[in-house]
Amino acid sequence: MALSSLAAREPQLSDYARSKQAMEALLAETDIPLDCLVLRPPAVYGPGDTELKPLFDAFARGLAPLPGAPDARVSLLYVDDLAAAIVAWLNASERTGGVYEIGDASARGYSWDEVVRTAETLLERRIRRIPVPGAALDGVAWVNTRMSRWLGYAPMLTPGKLQELRHADWVCDNRPLQQMLDWAPQVDLAAGLKTTCGWGRAA
């Protein structure tokens, strides 16, 4: 099996998205003896996560920088649910290949405001929404890209990543995967954030 990304659905947005689609195409053309399962997860989070941690830390400080469009919707996936899907496929008596999207149980995904409201409930505090101007993000991405070339690090925010953040629809459709595999997501956003960030626990 292979892990791709939901970004492969929109390869025109970034080099990362193009690389994931290219990987899927290569697997489809390769003469592999067994059927190969390719999973396309959205943003995956859980304990030890580093990519979403800065955003979650900002929530805990009462701030929610919003880089995407207000009407954008995204799916999320808790890491244990991703691992459970992989194990279910490995343990299946008959393995079926193909490319499948995988997300949590929210069929419509989430708006950024819904994510923030979930954090507010767990933190029991108001979080201030701060729309981030596009020009400011463009500038940071440009500087990040140039500095990474000089200093030799992998930047988190790049022009391509901004294109992905600004895309309006990153909602997964789990139905094809669940029709093929004995699996269903068990962790919703509130439970996932509680475990990942330690929010909502009694002191």
Protein backbone atom coordinates (compact mmCIF):
# COMPACT_ATOMS: atom_id res chain seq x y z
CA MET A 1 0.00 0.00 0.00
CA ALA A 2 1.06 3.62 -0.43
CA LEU A 3 0.17 6.92 1.21
CA SER A 4 -0.53 9.77 -1.15
CA SER A 5 -2.33 13.00 -0.29
CA LEU A 6 -5.67 14.61 -1.03
CA ALA A 7 -3.60 17.29 -2.74
CA ALA A 8 -3.09 14.86 -5.65
CA ARG A 9 -6.67 15.67 -6.61
CA GLU A 10 -5.52 19.17 -7.63
CA PRO A 11 -2.02 18.70 -9.12
CA GLN A 12 -2.00 22.17 -10.68
CA LEU A 13 -1.78 23.84 -7.28
CA SER A 14 1.75 22.94 -6.18
CA ASP A 15 4.86 20.89 -6.79
CA TYR A 16 3.86 18.74 -3.81
CA ALA A 17 0.45 17.98 -5.32
CA ARG A 18 2.04 17.18 -8.69
CA SER A 19 4.54 14.84 -7.06
CA LYS A 20 1.78 12.91 -5.31
CA GLN A 21 -0.22 12.52 -8.51
CA ALA A 22 2.94 11.43 -10.33
CA MET A 23 3.54 8.77 -7.67
CA GLU A 24 -0.01 7.47 -8.12
CA ALA A 25 0.42 7.36 -11.89
CA LEU A 26 3.72 5.49 -11.54
CA LEU A 27 2.11 2.87 -9.31
CA ALA A 28 -0.75 2.47 -11.77
CA GLU A 29 1.71 1.82 -14.60
CA THR A 30 3.97 -0.54 -12.63
CA ASP A 31 3.49 -4.30 -12.97
CA ILE A 32 2.94 -5.10 -9.28
CA PRO A 33 1.94 -8.70 -8.46
CA LEU A 34 -0.55 -7.65 -5.77
CA ASP A 35 -3.20 -4.96 -5.94
CA CYS A 36 -1.89 -1.75 -4.41
CA LEU A 37 -4.00 0.41 -2.14
CA VAL A 38 -3.30 4.14 -2.39
CA LEU A 39 -4.81 6.31 0.35
CA ARG A 40 -5.35 10.05 -0.07
CA PRO A 41 -5.60 11.53 3.44
CA PRO A 42 -6.23 15.23 4.10
CA ALA A 43 -4.38 16.98 6.95
CA VAL A 44 -3.48 14.27 9.48
CA TYR A 45 -3.02 15.26 13.11
CA GLY A 46 -2.34 13.62 16.48
CA PRO A 47 0.14 13.62 19.37
CA GLY A 48 3.58 14.71 18.21
CA ASP A 49 2.24 16.51 15.13
CA THR A 50 4.43 19.40 14.02
CA GLU A 51 2.66 20.85 10.96
CA LEU A 52 -0.60 21.82 12.69
CA LYS A 53 0.96 22.45 16.11
CA PRO A 54 1.65 26.18 15.48
CA LEU A 55 -2.03 26.66 14.60
CA PHE A 56 -3.22 24.74 17.66
CA ASP A 57 -0.79 26.67 19.87
CA ALA A 58 -2.23 29.92 18.54
CA PHE A 59 -5.74 28.71 19.41
CA ALA A 60 -4.57 28.03 22.97
CA ARG A 61 -3.33 31.64 23.18
CA GLY A 62 -6.72 32.88 22.05
CA LEU A 63 -5.82 33.68 18.45
CA ALA A 64 -6.95 32.03 15.21
CA PRO A 65 -5.06 33.18 12.10
CA LEU A 66 -7.26 32.28 9.12
CA PRO A 67 -5.25 31.94 5.90
CA GLY A 68 -7.95 30.42 3.68
CA ALA A 69 -11.23 31.62 2.22
CA PRO A 70 -14.06 31.95 4.79
CA ASP A 71 -16.24 29.51 2.82
CA ALA A 72 -13.51 26.90 2.32
CA ARG A 73 -14.16 23.43 3.72
CA VAL A 74 -11.53 20.88 4.71
CA SER A 75 -11.50 17.32 5.96
CA LEU A 76 -9.23 16.25 8.80
CA LEU A 77 -8.07 12.83 9.97
CA TYR A 78 -6.80 11.65 13.34
CA VAL A 79 -3.65 9.57 12.98
CA ASP A 80 -5.07 6.50 14.76
CA ASP A 81 -7.91 6.28 12.23
CA LEU A 82 -5.42 6.36 9.38
CA ALA A 83 -3.37 3.60 11.01
CA ALA A 84 -6.52 1.54 11.61
CA ALA A 85 -7.44 1.73 7.91
CA ILE A 86 -3.99 0.50 6.90
CA VAL A 87 -4.17 -2.39 9.38
CA ALA A 88 -7.68 -3.30 8.20
CA TRP A 89 -6.47 -3.53 4.61
CA LEU A 90 -3.40 -5.57 5.56
CA ASN A 91 -5.59 -7.99 7.54
CA ALA A 92 -8.29 -8.31 4.86
CA SER A 93 -8.77 -11.79 3.42
CA GLU A 94 -8.98 -10.27 -0.05
CA ARG A 95 -7.06 -7.09 -0.75
CA THR A 96 -8.47 -4.69 -3.31
CA GLY A 97 -6.33 -1.99 -4.85
CA GLY A 98 -7.14 1.46 -6.12
CA VAL A 99 -6.97 5.10 -5.08
CA TYR A 100 -9.21 6.08 -2.18
CA GLU A 101 -9.80 9.26 -0.21
CA ILE A 102 -9.88 8.92 3.58
CA GLY A 103 -11.07 11.40 6.20
CA ASP A 104 -12.93 11.46 9.48
CA ALA A 105 -16.68 10.90 9.83
CA SER A 106 -17.70 14.47 8.96
CA ALA A 107 -19.06 14.02 5.43
CA ARG A 108 -19.08 17.78 4.79
CA GLY A 109 -15.68 18.43 6.32
CA TYR A 110 -15.23 21.59 8.35
CA SER A 111 -15.14 25.31 7.81
CA TRP A 112 -12.30 27.10 9.57
CA ASP A 113 -14.89 28.68 11.86
CA GLU A 114 -16.19 25.24 12.85
CA VAL A 115 -12.65 24.15 13.74
CA VAL A 116 -12.18 27.26 15.87
CA ARG A 117 -15.55 26.80 17.60
CA THR A 118 -14.59 23.24 18.51
CA ALA A 119 -11.36 24.55 20.03
CA GLU A 120 -13.29 27.24 21.93
CA THR A 121 -15.54 24.59 23.48
CA LEU A 122 -12.58 22.49 24.62
CA LEU A 123 -10.56 25.46 25.86
CA GLU A 124 -13.59 27.17 27.42
CA ARG A 125 -12.47 30.53 26.10
CA ARG A 126 -13.13 32.91 23.24
CA ILE A 127 -10.69 32.71 20.33
CA ARG A 128 -10.24 35.81 18.19
CA ARG A 129 -10.48 35.18 14.45
CA ILE A 130 -7.78 37.03 12.50
CA PRO A 131 -8.06 36.93 8.70
CA VAL A 132 -4.52 37.06 7.34
CA PRO A 133 -4.11 39.41 4.35
CA GLY A 134 -3.14 37.60 1.17
CA ALA A 135 -0.28 39.98 0.44
CA ALA A 136 1.28 39.28 3.84
CA LEU A 137 1.17 35.53 3.25
CA ASP A 138 2.60 35.94 -0.24
CA GLY A 139 5.50 37.87 1.22
CA VAL A 140 6.21 35.32 3.94
CA ALA A 141 6.07 32.46 1.42
CA TRP A 142 8.46 34.28 -0.92
CA VAL A 143 10.96 34.97 1.88
CA ASN A 144 10.64 31.39 3.16
CA THR A 145 11.43 29.99 -0.27
CA ARG A 146 14.49 32.20 -0.76
CA MET A 147 15.84 31.61 2.74
CA SER A 148 15.41 27.85 2.44
CA ARG A 149 17.65 27.84 -0.63
CA TRP A 150 20.36 29.72 1.22
CA LEU A 151 20.10 27.90 4.54
CA GLY A 152 19.15 24.45 3.30
CA TYR A 153 15.93 23.79 5.19
CA ALA A 154 12.46 22.68 4.07
CA PRO A 155 10.07 25.63 4.41
CA MET A 156 6.55 24.97 5.71
CA LEU A 157 4.91 27.93 3.95
CA THR A 158 5.67 28.22 0.22
CA PRO A 159 3.78 29.72 -2.73
CA GLY A 160 2.56 26.22 -3.60
CA LYS A 161 1.37 25.57 -0.05
CA LEU A 162 -0.50 28.86 -0.15
CA GLN A 163 -2.26 27.72 -3.31
CA GLU A 164 -3.36 24.62 -1.42
CA LEU A 165 -4.50 26.63 1.62
CA ARG A 166 -6.58 28.91 -0.59
CA HIS A 167 -8.32 26.07 -2.39
CA ALA A 168 -12.01 25.99 -1.42
CA ASP A 169 -12.68 22.25 -1.34
CA TRP A 170 -10.55 19.72 0.49
CA VAL A 171 -13.43 17.49 1.60
CA CYS A 172 -12.92 13.71 1.45
CA ASP A 173 -15.51 11.17 0.38
CA ASN A 174 -15.08 8.06 2.53
CA ARG A 175 -17.89 6.07 0.95
CA PRO A 176 -15.88 4.20 -1.71
CA LEU A 177 -13.27 3.18 0.87
CA GLN A 178 -15.86 2.02 3.39
CA GLN A 179 -17.66 -0.02 0.73
CA MET A 180 -14.39 -1.81 0.01
CA LEU A 181 -12.87 -2.07 3.49
CA ASP A 182 -14.11 -3.08 6.94
CA TRP A 183 -13.18 0.25 8.47
CA ALA A 184 -14.84 3.39 9.79
CA PRO A 185 -13.31 6.48 11.44
CA GLN A 186 -13.73 6.49 15.22
CA VAL A 187 -12.25 9.83 16.32
CA ASP A 188 -14.15 13.06 15.70
CA LEU A 189 -12.56 16.50 15.73
CA ALA A 190 -13.32 17.27 19.37
CA ALA A 191 -11.88 13.98 20.63
CA GLY A 192 -8.88 14.30 18.32
CA LEU A 193 -8.04 17.82 19.49
CA LYS A 194 -8.51 16.82 23.11
CA THR A 195 -6.00 13.99 22.78
CA THR A 196 -3.57 15.88 20.55
CA CYS A 197 -3.44 19.11 22.55
CA GLY A 198 -4.52 18.02 26.03
CA TRP A 199 -7.47 20.39 25.91
CA GLY A 200 -10.63 19.86 27.90
CA ARG A 201 -8.96 17.79 30.60
CA ALA A 202 -9.61 18.33 34.23
CA ALA A 203 -6.77 20.14 35.98
